[in-house]
N, C-alpha and C. Protein backbone atom coordinates (compact mmCIF):
# COMPACT_ATOMS: atom_id res chain seq x y z
N UNK A 1 112.09 116.92 96.86
CA UNK A 1 112.16 116.56 98.37
C UNK A 1 112.79 117.19 99.46
N UNK A 2 113.40 117.87 99.09
CA UNK A 2 114.15 118.94 100.13
C UNK A 2 112.95 119.60 100.54
N UNK A 3 111.62 119.83 100.47
CA UNK A 3 110.93 120.62 100.76
C UNK A 3 109.75 119.57 101.69
N UNK A 4 109.89 118.41 101.46
CA UNK A 4 109.16 117.37 102.01
C UNK A 4 108.80 118.05 103.33
N UNK A 5 107.45 117.50 103.96
CA UNK A 5 107.30 117.78 105.45
C UNK A 5 106.03 117.04 105.49
N UNK A 6 106.00 116.85 106.84
CA UNK A 6 104.78 116.12 107.52
C UNK A 6 103.59 116.36 107.24
N UNK A 7 102.51 116.05 106.50
CA UNK A 7 101.50 117.03 106.65
C UNK A 7 100.95 117.88 108.21
N UNK A 8 100.62 118.79 107.91
CA UNK A 8 100.25 119.61 109.38
C UNK A 8 99.17 118.59 110.29
N UNK A 9 98.06 118.06 109.69
CA UNK A 9 97.51 117.64 110.27
C UNK A 9 97.88 116.03 111.06
N UNK A 10 98.75 115.63 110.46
CA UNK A 10 99.24 114.07 110.70
C UNK A 10 100.63 114.63 111.88
N UNK A 11 100.81 115.57 111.36
CA UNK A 11 102.06 116.12 112.69
C UNK A 11 101.52 116.62 114.25
N UNK A 12 100.47 116.82 113.43
CA UNK A 12 99.60 117.82 115.12
C UNK A 12 99.51 116.28 115.70
N UNK A 13 98.70 115.45 115.13
CA UNK A 13 98.36 113.89 115.80
C UNK A 13 99.36 113.64 116.06
N UNK A 14 100.64 113.73 115.13
CA UNK A 14 101.77 112.69 116.06
C UNK A 14 102.55 113.51 117.21
N UNK A 15 102.45 114.88 117.64
CA UNK A 15 103.13 115.28 118.53
C UNK A 15 101.94 115.30 119.89
N UNK A 16 100.51 115.23 119.27
CA UNK A 16 99.76 114.88 120.58
C UNK A 16 99.79 113.36 121.19
N UNK A 17 100.37 112.54 120.44
CA UNK A 17 100.45 111.27 120.73
C UNK A 17 101.81 111.24 121.57
N UNK A 18 102.65 111.76 120.96
CA UNK A 18 103.84 111.97 122.05
C UNK A 18 103.94 112.65 123.10
N UNK A 19 102.90 113.28 123.26
CA UNK A 19 103.02 114.05 124.73
C UNK A 19 102.40 113.38 125.48
N UNK A 20 100.97 112.67 124.98
CA UNK A 20 100.50 111.87 125.96
C UNK A 20 101.75 110.49 126.13
N UNK A 21 102.19 110.03 125.55
CA UNK A 21 103.36 108.77 125.91
C UNK A 21 103.97 109.15 126.76
N UNK A 22 104.79 110.32 126.77
CA UNK A 22 105.84 111.19 127.55
C UNK A 22 104.76 111.02 129.01
N UNK A 23 103.70 111.29 129.00
CA UNK A 23 103.00 111.65 130.53
C UNK A 23 102.77 109.78 130.73
N UNK A 24 102.48 109.19 130.12
CA UNK A 24 102.15 107.97 130.05
C UNK A 24 100.87 107.40 129.90
N UNK A 25 99.97 108.14 129.14
CA UNK A 25 98.84 108.31 129.28
C UNK A 25 98.04 107.57 127.77
N UNK A 26 98.78 106.85 127.43
CA UNK A 26 98.47 106.40 125.85
C UNK A 26 97.74 104.92 126.42
N UNK A 27 96.66 104.87 124.94
CA UNK A 27 95.50 104.18 125.53
C UNK A 27 96.34 102.75 124.32
N UNK A 28 96.11 101.56 124.45
CA UNK A 28 96.29 100.46 123.51
C UNK A 28 96.40 101.34 121.77
N UNK A 29 95.21 101.49 121.54
CA UNK A 29 94.77 102.27 120.60
C UNK A 29 95.94 103.33 119.83
N UNK A 30 96.09 103.92 120.76
CA UNK A 30 96.84 105.08 120.59
C UNK A 30 98.27 104.72 120.09
N UNK A 31 98.38 103.95 121.19
CA UNK A 31 100.20 103.20 120.72
C UNK A 31 100.25 102.76 119.49
N UNK A 32 99.18 102.00 118.91
CA UNK A 32 99.01 101.47 117.59
C UNK A 32 99.25 102.46 116.84
N UNK A 33 98.70 103.87 116.87
CA UNK A 33 98.70 104.62 116.35
C UNK A 33 99.74 105.72 115.98
N UNK A 34 100.34 105.43 117.15
CA UNK A 34 102.03 106.25 117.23
C UNK A 34 103.08 105.67 116.72
N UNK A 35 103.19 104.21 116.57
CA UNK A 35 104.36 103.62 115.78
C UNK A 35 104.61 104.04 114.45
N UNK A 36 103.70 103.60 113.94
CA UNK A 36 103.70 104.03 112.30
C UNK A 36 104.03 105.26 112.15
N UNK A 37 103.25 106.44 112.67
CA UNK A 37 103.53 108.08 112.95
C UNK A 37 104.89 107.87 112.71
N UNK A 38 105.50 107.56 113.98
CA UNK A 38 106.85 107.88 114.46
C UNK A 38 107.81 107.24 113.32
N UNK A 39 107.17 106.25 112.69
CA UNK A 39 108.41 105.42 111.52
C UNK A 39 108.22 106.83 110.58
N UNK A 40 107.24 106.65 110.06
CA UNK A 40 106.74 107.53 108.85
C UNK A 40 107.73 109.05 109.09
N UNK A 41 107.24 109.37 110.18
CA UNK A 41 108.09 110.93 110.24
C UNK A 41 109.37 110.81 110.18
N UNK A 42 110.12 109.56 110.68
CA UNK A 42 111.73 109.44 110.76
C UNK A 42 112.01 109.02 109.32
N UNK A 43 111.27 108.72 108.81
CA UNK A 43 111.62 108.24 107.26
C UNK A 43 111.41 109.56 106.06
N UNK A 44 110.48 109.96 106.50
CA UNK A 44 110.34 111.43 106.07
C UNK A 44 111.83 112.43 105.73
N UNK A 45 112.06 112.61 107.77
CA UNK A 45 113.43 113.29 108.03
C UNK A 45 114.54 112.42 106.98
N UNK A 46 114.70 110.93 107.16
CA UNK A 46 116.09 110.78 106.29
C UNK A 46 115.79 111.23 104.74
N UNK A 47 114.73 111.02 104.02
CA UNK A 47 114.85 111.39 102.82
C UNK A 47 115.06 112.88 102.53
N UNK A 48 114.34 113.67 103.70
CA UNK A 48 114.68 115.27 103.40
C UNK A 48 116.16 115.55 103.55
N UNK A 49 116.95 114.91 104.69
CA UNK A 49 118.16 115.17 104.79
C UNK A 49 118.92 114.51 103.80
N UNK A 50 118.65 113.52 103.39
CA UNK A 50 119.46 113.00 102.25
C UNK A 50 118.95 113.85 100.67
N UNK A 51 118.13 114.58 100.67
CA UNK A 51 117.84 115.16 99.62
C UNK A 51 118.89 116.70 99.48
N UNK A 52 118.55 117.51 100.73
CA UNK A 52 119.52 118.10 101.14
C UNK A 52 121.14 118.29 100.86
N UNK A 53 121.70 116.95 101.16
CA UNK A 53 122.94 116.58 101.43
C UNK A 53 122.88 116.85 99.67
N UNK A 54 122.32 116.22 99.09
CA UNK A 54 122.51 116.20 97.41
C UNK A 54 122.39 117.59 96.82
N UNK A 55 121.76 118.37 97.12
CA UNK A 55 121.60 119.74 97.09
C UNK A 55 122.24 120.33 97.65
N UNK A 56 123.21 120.12 98.78
CA UNK A 56 124.33 120.87 99.23
C UNK A 56 123.75 121.88 99.59
N UNK A 57 122.59 121.64 100.65
CA UNK A 57 121.85 123.11 101.44
C UNK A 57 121.70 122.11 102.76
N UNK A 58 121.60 123.59 103.80
CA UNK A 58 121.21 123.03 104.97
C UNK A 58 119.31 122.95 105.33
N UNK A 59 119.16 122.50 106.50
CA UNK A 59 117.83 122.28 106.45
C UNK A 59 117.23 124.04 107.16
N UNK A 60 116.01 124.10 106.67
CA UNK A 60 115.70 125.84 107.16
C UNK A 60 114.99 125.50 108.34
C-alpha cells in the first residue's frame, strides 16, 4: 500500500485536465472526467499516507 501510485496513463490525463481547468478551457465532458479522477487521486493519496504512517516511513 505504501508504494501505491496512480497509473501513469491516468496521472497524465489528470494532469492535462487540471492544466486545462486552470486555463479555464474544460469542456463539459472533460469536467465530468476530471471530477472522478481527482477523487480517486485524493483517495489513493490518503491510503498511501496512512500506510506510510503505519510503517513509520516518509513519502518518497
